[in-house]
N, C-alpha and C. Protein backbone atom coordinates (compact mmCIF):
# COMPACT_ATOMS: atom_id res chain seq x y z
N MET A 1 31.46 -24.30 6.36
CA MET A 1 31.10 -23.85 5.35
C MET A 1 30.34 -22.76 6.02
N GLY A 2 30.07 -22.11 5.19
CA GLY A 2 28.90 -20.75 5.19
C GLY A 2 28.53 -20.26 4.39
N GLY A 3 27.97 -19.23 4.63
CA GLY A 3 27.31 -18.11 3.58
C GLY A 3 26.60 -18.93 2.09
N GLU A 4 27.37 -18.83 0.88
CA GLU A 4 27.03 -19.72 -0.17
C GLU A 4 26.97 -20.76 0.08
N TYR A 5 27.23 -21.71 0.97
CA TYR A 5 27.10 -23.25 1.18
C TYR A 5 27.32 -23.80 2.42
N PRO A 6 26.15 -23.22 3.08
CA PRO A 6 25.43 -23.42 4.28
C PRO A 6 25.50 -24.73 4.86
N PRO A 7 25.55 -25.12 6.18
CA PRO A 7 25.46 -26.47 6.59
C PRO A 7 24.47 -27.15 6.15
N LEU A 8 24.03 -27.81 5.94
CA LEU A 8 22.94 -28.78 5.95
C LEU A 8 22.70 -30.06 7.00
N ASP A 9 20.98 -30.11 7.01
CA ASP A 9 20.71 -31.26 8.13
C ASP A 9 19.88 -32.53 6.91
N ARG A 10 19.66 -33.87 7.74
CA ARG A 10 19.78 -34.82 7.03
C ARG A 10 18.33 -34.65 5.92
N SER A 11 17.29 -33.88 6.43
CA SER A 11 16.16 -33.62 5.57
C SER A 11 16.78 -32.80 4.07
N GLN A 12 17.26 -32.26 4.59
CA GLN A 12 17.86 -31.36 3.40
C GLN A 12 18.81 -32.43 2.17
N VAL A 13 19.66 -33.53 2.89
CA VAL A 13 20.67 -33.75 2.41
C VAL A 13 20.00 -35.04 1.64
N GLU A 14 19.09 -35.67 2.10
CA GLU A 14 18.08 -36.56 1.52
C GLU A 14 17.13 -35.88 0.48
N PHE A 15 16.74 -34.31 0.36
CA PHE A 15 16.23 -34.23 -0.69
C PHE A 15 17.03 -34.26 -1.83
N ILE A 16 18.18 -33.40 -1.28
CA ILE A 16 19.10 -33.28 -2.56
C ILE A 16 19.34 -34.73 -3.24
N LEU A 17 19.41 -35.42 -2.39
CA LEU A 17 20.05 -36.29 -3.85
C LEU A 17 18.58 -37.18 -4.37
N GLY A 18 17.47 -37.09 -3.49
CA GLY A 18 16.36 -37.66 -4.09
C GLY A 18 15.84 -36.67 -5.63
N SER A 19 16.61 -35.58 -5.48
CA SER A 19 16.30 -34.92 -6.76
C SER A 19 17.45 -34.85 -7.76
N ALA A 20 18.61 -35.33 -7.04
CA ALA A 20 19.38 -35.92 -8.02
C ALA A 20 18.78 -37.53 -8.98
N GLN A 21 18.17 -37.71 -9.15
CA GLN A 21 17.73 -38.94 -8.55
C GLN A 21 18.54 -40.39 -8.44
N PHE A 22 19.11 -39.81 -6.99
CA PHE A 22 19.56 -41.36 -6.15
C PHE A 22 18.26 -41.65 -4.90
N LYS A 23 18.34 -42.82 -4.95
CA LYS A 23 17.17 -43.95 -4.42
C LYS A 23 18.22 -44.58 -3.06
N PRO A 24 17.15 -44.21 -1.76
CA PRO A 24 17.92 -45.36 -0.86
C PRO A 24 17.42 -46.41 -1.07
N ILE A 25 18.88 -47.39 -0.86
CA ILE A 25 18.98 -48.57 -1.28
C ILE A 25 18.83 -49.90 -0.10
N ARG A 26 19.51 -49.44 1.17
CA ARG A 26 19.75 -49.98 2.18
C ARG A 26 19.52 -49.36 3.81
N THR A 27 18.99 -49.50 4.94
CA THR A 27 19.11 -49.06 5.52
C THR A 27 20.08 -49.84 6.77
N LYS A 28 20.94 -49.69 7.90
CA LYS A 28 21.87 -50.49 8.33
C LYS A 28 22.14 -49.55 10.00
N GLY A 29 21.83 -49.66 10.83
CA GLY A 29 22.11 -49.40 11.91
C GLY A 29 21.90 -47.61 12.02
N SER A 30 22.86 -46.72 11.99
CA SER A 30 22.36 -45.21 12.05
C SER A 30 22.62 -44.48 10.53
N HIS A 31 22.64 -45.36 9.63
CA HIS A 31 23.11 -44.89 8.70
C HIS A 31 22.37 -45.13 7.12
N THR A 32 21.70 -44.79 6.20
CA THR A 32 21.77 -44.79 4.87
C THR A 32 21.97 -45.05 3.66
N HIS A 33 22.21 -45.62 2.46
CA HIS A 33 22.68 -46.14 2.01
C HIS A 33 22.25 -45.58 0.45
N TRP A 34 22.71 -44.29 -0.55
CA TRP A 34 21.48 -44.03 -1.31
C TRP A 34 22.49 -44.39 -2.46
N GLU A 35 22.15 -44.50 -3.78
CA GLU A 35 22.57 -44.92 -5.28
C GLU A 35 21.78 -44.54 -5.92
N GLY A 36 22.78 -43.95 -7.23
CA GLY A 36 22.77 -42.99 -8.26
C GLY A 36 23.69 -42.73 -8.90
N ALA A 37 23.91 -42.62 -10.17
CA ALA A 37 24.25 -42.77 -11.44
C ALA A 37 24.84 -41.22 -11.37
N VAL A 38 26.22 -40.51 -11.67
CA VAL A 38 26.43 -39.63 -12.10
C VAL A 38 27.77 -39.49 -13.30
N ASP A 39 27.50 -39.04 -14.32
CA ASP A 39 27.67 -39.06 -15.87
C ASP A 39 28.39 -40.15 -16.12
N GLY A 40 27.42 -41.26 -15.76
CA GLY A 40 27.12 -42.47 -15.81
C GLY A 40 28.00 -43.93 -15.49
N ILE A 41 28.49 -43.01 -14.34
CA ILE A 41 29.19 -43.82 -12.89
C ILE A 41 28.45 -43.91 -11.79
N ARG A 42 28.12 -45.63 -11.35
CA ARG A 42 27.74 -45.13 -9.88
C ARG A 42 28.12 -44.80 -8.78
N ARG A 43 27.07 -44.41 -8.28
CA ARG A 43 27.29 -43.66 -6.97
C ARG A 43 27.00 -44.55 -5.92
N LEU A 44 27.58 -44.46 -4.70
CA LEU A 44 27.12 -44.50 -2.87
C LEU A 44 27.41 -43.76 -2.50
N VAL A 45 26.27 -43.15 -1.68
CA VAL A 45 26.34 -42.33 -1.11
C VAL A 45 26.30 -42.54 0.70
N THR A 46 26.85 -42.64 1.94
CA THR A 46 26.27 -43.19 3.14
C THR A 46 25.71 -41.79 3.75
N VAL A 47 24.52 -41.75 4.46
CA VAL A 47 23.89 -40.55 4.93
C VAL A 47 23.94 -40.79 6.25
N ASP A 48 24.73 -40.41 6.91
CA ASP A 48 24.61 -40.55 8.43
C ASP A 48 22.93 -40.39 9.44
N HIS A 49 22.64 -40.76 10.05
CA HIS A 49 21.46 -40.06 10.80
C HIS A 49 21.23 -39.22 12.47
N LEU A 50 22.92 -38.79 12.25
CA LEU A 50 22.75 -38.18 13.14
C LEU A 50 22.14 -38.22 14.50
N GLY A 51 22.05 -37.29 15.60
CA GLY A 51 20.75 -37.26 16.43
C GLY A 51 19.71 -37.25 16.27
N SER A 52 19.48 -36.12 15.48
CA SER A 52 17.93 -35.92 14.99
C SER A 52 18.15 -35.62 13.56
N LYS A 53 16.79 -35.30 12.65
CA LYS A 53 17.07 -34.66 11.56
C LYS A 53 17.43 -33.26 11.27
N LYS A 54 16.95 -32.76 11.92
CA LYS A 54 17.05 -31.44 11.96
C LYS A 54 18.89 -30.80 12.65
N GLU A 55 19.39 -31.83 13.33
CA GLU A 55 20.88 -31.71 13.18
C GLU A 55 21.88 -31.45 12.07
N LYS A 56 22.59 -30.60 11.91
CA LYS A 56 23.08 -30.24 10.67
C LYS A 56 24.33 -30.91 10.60
N TYR A 57 25.33 -31.77 9.83
CA TYR A 57 26.45 -32.15 9.15
C TYR A 57 27.15 -31.34 9.51
N GLY A 58 28.60 -31.70 9.76
CA GLY A 58 30.01 -30.99 9.73
C GLY A 58 30.77 -31.14 8.46
N PRO A 59 31.75 -31.82 8.85
CA PRO A 59 32.98 -32.32 8.03
C PRO A 59 31.97 -33.46 7.33
N LEU A 60 31.28 -34.03 7.39
CA LEU A 60 30.87 -35.49 7.29
C LEU A 60 29.72 -35.31 5.50
N LEU A 61 29.14 -33.88 5.69
CA LEU A 61 28.98 -33.25 4.22
C LEU A 61 29.87 -32.96 3.48
N GLY A 62 31.04 -32.80 3.66
CA GLY A 62 31.66 -32.96 2.52
C GLY A 62 32.33 -34.19 1.79
N LYS A 63 32.17 -35.01 2.74
CA LYS A 63 32.59 -36.33 2.45
C LYS A 63 31.12 -37.13 1.35
N MET A 64 29.77 -36.20 2.20
CA MET A 64 28.91 -37.26 1.18
C MET A 64 28.43 -36.85 -0.19
N ILE A 65 29.15 -35.06 -0.41
CA ILE A 65 29.25 -34.43 -1.81
C ILE A 65 30.56 -35.32 -2.73
N THR A 66 31.13 -35.68 -1.78
CA THR A 66 32.34 -36.08 -2.87
C THR A 66 32.06 -37.60 -2.76
N GLN A 67 31.19 -38.51 -2.13
CA GLN A 67 30.53 -39.65 -2.62
C GLN A 67 29.32 -39.61 -3.82
N SER A 68 28.76 -38.42 -3.83
CA SER A 68 27.68 -38.47 -4.63
C SER A 68 28.40 -38.44 -6.11
N GLY A 69 29.73 -36.98 -6.11
CA GLY A 69 30.09 -37.48 -7.54
C GLY A 69 29.82 -36.50 -8.00
N LEU A 70 29.26 -35.32 -7.25
CA LEU A 70 28.39 -33.68 -7.80
C LEU A 70 29.73 -32.93 -7.10
N THR A 71 29.56 -31.83 -8.10
CA THR A 71 30.02 -30.49 -7.62
C THR A 71 29.72 -29.83 -6.62
N LYS A 72 30.14 -29.34 -5.73
CA LYS A 72 29.40 -28.85 -4.15
C LYS A 72 28.61 -27.52 -4.52
N LYS A 73 28.70 -27.18 -5.96
CA LYS A 73 27.99 -26.09 -6.40
C LYS A 73 26.53 -26.94 -6.96
N LYS A 74 26.52 -27.43 -7.87
CA LYS A 74 26.47 -28.68 -7.81
C LYS A 74 24.99 -29.16 -7.21
N PHE A 75 25.63 -30.25 -6.33
CA PHE A 75 24.38 -30.42 -4.97
C PHE A 75 23.30 -29.48 -4.27
N TYR A 76 24.48 -28.05 -4.39
CA TYR A 76 23.73 -27.34 -3.44
C TYR A 76 22.73 -26.28 -4.22
N SER A 77 22.86 -26.39 -5.52
CA SER A 77 21.66 -26.13 -6.80
C SER A 77 20.18 -26.72 -6.33
N TYR A 78 20.68 -28.31 -5.65
CA TYR A 78 18.88 -28.56 -5.66
C TYR A 78 18.28 -27.90 -4.75
N LEU A 79 18.62 -27.22 -3.94
CA LEU A 79 17.94 -27.11 -2.84
C LEU A 79 16.68 -25.09 -3.45
N LYS A 80 17.37 -24.55 -4.72
CA LYS A 80 16.87 -23.99 -5.16
C LYS A 80 15.97 -23.72 -5.95
């Protein structure tokens, strides 16, 4: 992922989820679960804490976007 869809860190992902009306519902170990609804469907997104808040996500980012039920374009639109 680059260019239009650059890699994101945890702070950015959590900002996006919060902007999309997701709420953190529990933290277990090195993960936080965020719950929200997209198009009336309940969604649960697992956010891995990685090594630090500024470390960038690799393939996990695509999984989090899929879990959110948002398109990649909509997901990234919350950063603008």
